[in-house]
Amino acid sequence: PVIAVPIDATSLNGLDALLAMVQMPAGIPVATMALGKAGARNAGLFAVQMLAAGDDDLAGRLTAFRKQMAQGVEEK
């Protein structure tokens, strides 16, 4: 699987990277995340989620991490 994270490295602030990633031809599936740091974090979580589908230990750790994230939001 391909996970794409567009970065804002040009004067177009990442729009060119985003458009290039979402216009892949048929047969090349790409999971495209948000621009920048948020997209990079989501890409990591997405990859872990895919791997956890076949790994019970990893799935448990991901569940615990997500609960921790939810608690952080509630505290804020």
C-alpha atoms as a PDB file:
ATOM      1  CA  PRO A   1       0.000   0.000   0.000  1.00  0.00           C
ATOM      2  CA  VAL A   2       1.055   3.567  -0.667  1.00  0.00           C
ATOM      3  CA  ILE A   3       0.378   6.279   1.900  1.00  0.00           C
ATOM      4  CA  ALA A   4       0.965   9.761   0.547  1.00  0.00           C
ATOM      5  CA  VAL A   5       1.667  12.814   2.695  1.00  0.00           C
ATOM      6  CA  PRO A   6       1.855  16.036   0.675  1.00  0.00           C
ATOM      7  CA  ILE A   7       4.321  18.596   1.987  1.00  0.00           C
ATOM      8  CA  ASP A   8       4.289  22.331   1.452  1.00  0.00           C
ATOM      9  CA  ALA A   9       7.738  22.671  -0.092  1.00  0.00           C
ATOM     10  CA  THR A  10       6.815  24.964  -2.977  1.00  0.00           C
ATOM     11  CA  SER A  11       5.204  28.348  -3.454  1.00  0.00           C
ATOM     12  CA  LEU A  12       1.884  26.555  -3.959  1.00  0.00           C
ATOM     13  CA  ASN A  13       1.907  25.477  -0.280  1.00  0.00           C
ATOM     14  CA  GLY A  14       1.551  21.772  -1.069  1.00  0.00           C
ATOM     15  CA  LEU A  15      -1.398  22.068  -3.433  1.00  0.00           C
ATOM     16  CA  ASP A  16       0.724  20.788  -6.320  1.00  0.00           C
ATOM     17  CA  ALA A  17       1.844  17.787  -4.251  1.00  0.00           C
ATOM     18  CA  LEU A  18      -1.714  17.050  -3.164  1.00  0.00           C
ATOM     19  CA  LEU A  19      -3.040  17.183  -6.721  1.00  0.00           C
ATOM     20  CA  ALA A  20      -0.269  14.904  -7.972  1.00  0.00           C
ATOM     21  CA  MET A  21      -1.102  12.330  -5.308  1.00  0.00           C
ATOM     22  CA  VAL A  22      -4.849  12.240  -5.842  1.00  0.00           C
ATOM     23  CA  GLN A  23      -4.561  11.926  -9.626  1.00  0.00           C
ATOM     24  CA  MET A  24      -2.889   8.511  -9.735  1.00  0.00           C
ATOM     25  CA  PRO A  25      -4.039   6.335 -12.623  1.00  0.00           C
ATOM     26  CA  ALA A  26      -6.206   3.263 -12.174  1.00  0.00           C
ATOM     27  CA  GLY A  27      -4.281   0.391 -10.663  1.00  0.00           C
ATOM     28  CA  ILE A  28      -2.183   2.565  -8.343  1.00  0.00           C
ATOM     29  CA  PRO A  29      -4.224   3.033  -5.164  1.00  0.00           C
ATOM     30  CA  VAL A  30      -2.949   5.750  -2.861  1.00  0.00           C
ATOM     31  CA  ALA A  31      -4.212   6.682   0.589  1.00  0.00           C
ATOM     32  CA  THR A  32      -3.678  10.440   0.664  1.00  0.00           C
ATOM     33  CA  MET A  33      -3.406  12.188   4.003  1.00  0.00           C
ATOM     34  CA  ALA A  34      -3.653  15.844   4.984  1.00  0.00           C
ATOM     35  CA  LEU A  35      -0.867  18.319   4.322  1.00  0.00           C
ATOM     36  CA  GLY A  36       2.070  18.610   6.693  1.00  0.00           C
ATOM     37  CA  LYS A  37       2.550  17.365  10.251  1.00  0.00           C
ATOM     38  CA  ALA A  38      -1.072  16.342  10.812  1.00  0.00           C
ATOM     39  CA  GLY A  39      -0.972  14.246   7.657  1.00  0.00           C
ATOM     40  CA  ALA A  40       2.294  12.627   8.688  1.00  0.00           C
ATOM     41  CA  ARG A  41       0.850  11.666  12.068  1.00  0.00           C
ATOM     42  CA  ASN A  42      -2.294  10.295  10.427  1.00  0.00           C
ATOM     43  CA  ALA A  43      -0.180   8.337   7.946  1.00  0.00           C
ATOM     44  CA  GLY A  44       1.649   6.670  10.822  1.00  0.00           C
ATOM     45  CA  LEU A  45      -1.599   5.790  12.562  1.00  0.00           C
ATOM     46  CA  PHE A  46      -3.057   4.482   9.309  1.00  0.00           C
ATOM     47  CA  ALA A  47      -0.038   2.249   8.725  1.00  0.00           C
ATOM     48  CA  VAL A  48      -0.218   0.892  12.265  1.00  0.00           C
ATOM     49  CA  GLN A  49      -3.927   0.265  11.848  1.00  0.00           C
ATOM     50  CA  MET A  50      -3.290  -1.773   8.676  1.00  0.00           C
ATOM     51  CA  LEU A  51      -0.532  -3.781  10.371  1.00  0.00           C
ATOM     52  CA  ALA A  52      -2.679  -4.308  13.479  1.00  0.00           C
ATOM     53  CA  ALA A  53      -5.276  -6.146  11.402  1.00  0.00           C
ATOM     54  CA  GLY A  54      -2.989  -9.170  11.534  1.00  0.00           C
ATOM     55  CA  ASP A  55      -1.298  -8.597  14.897  1.00  0.00           C
ATOM     56  CA  ASP A  56      -3.342  -8.833  18.102  1.00  0.00           C
ATOM     57  CA  ASP A  57      -0.578  -7.339  20.268  1.00  0.00           C
ATOM     58  CA  LEU A  58      -0.251  -4.325  17.990  1.00  0.00           C
ATOM     59  CA  ALA A  59      -4.036  -3.965  17.850  1.00  0.00           C
ATOM     60  CA  GLY A  60      -4.180  -3.803  21.640  1.00  0.00           C
ATOM     61  CA  ARG A  61      -1.419  -1.222  21.768  1.00  0.00           C
ATOM     62  CA  LEU A  62      -3.196   0.879  19.133  1.00  0.00           C
ATOM     63  CA  THR A  63      -6.441   0.725  21.101  1.00  0.00           C
ATOM     64  CA  ALA A  64      -4.618   1.878  24.239  1.00  0.00           C
ATOM     65  CA  PHE A  65      -2.981   4.725  22.306  1.00  0.00           C
ATOM     66  CA  ARG A  66      -6.319   5.870  20.904  1.00  0.00           C
ATOM     67  CA  LYS A  67      -7.841   5.881  24.405  1.00  0.00           C
ATOM     68  CA  GLN A  68      -4.895   7.983  25.567  1.00  0.00           C
ATOM     69  CA  MET A  69      -5.500  10.403  22.680  1.00  0.00           C
ATOM     70  CA  ALA A  70      -9.198  10.667  23.601  1.00  0.00           C
ATOM     71  CA  GLN A  71      -8.330  11.394  27.225  1.00  0.00           C
ATOM     72  CA  GLY A  72      -5.986  14.151  26.087  1.00  0.00           C
ATOM     73  CA  VAL A  73      -8.779  15.754  24.083  1.00  0.00           C
ATOM     74  CA  GLU A  74     -11.170  15.573  27.031  1.00  0.00           C
ATOM     75  CA  GLU A  75      -8.571  17.199  29.293  1.00  0.00           C
ATOM     76  CA  LYS A  76      -8.107  20.091  26.887  1.00  0.00           C
END
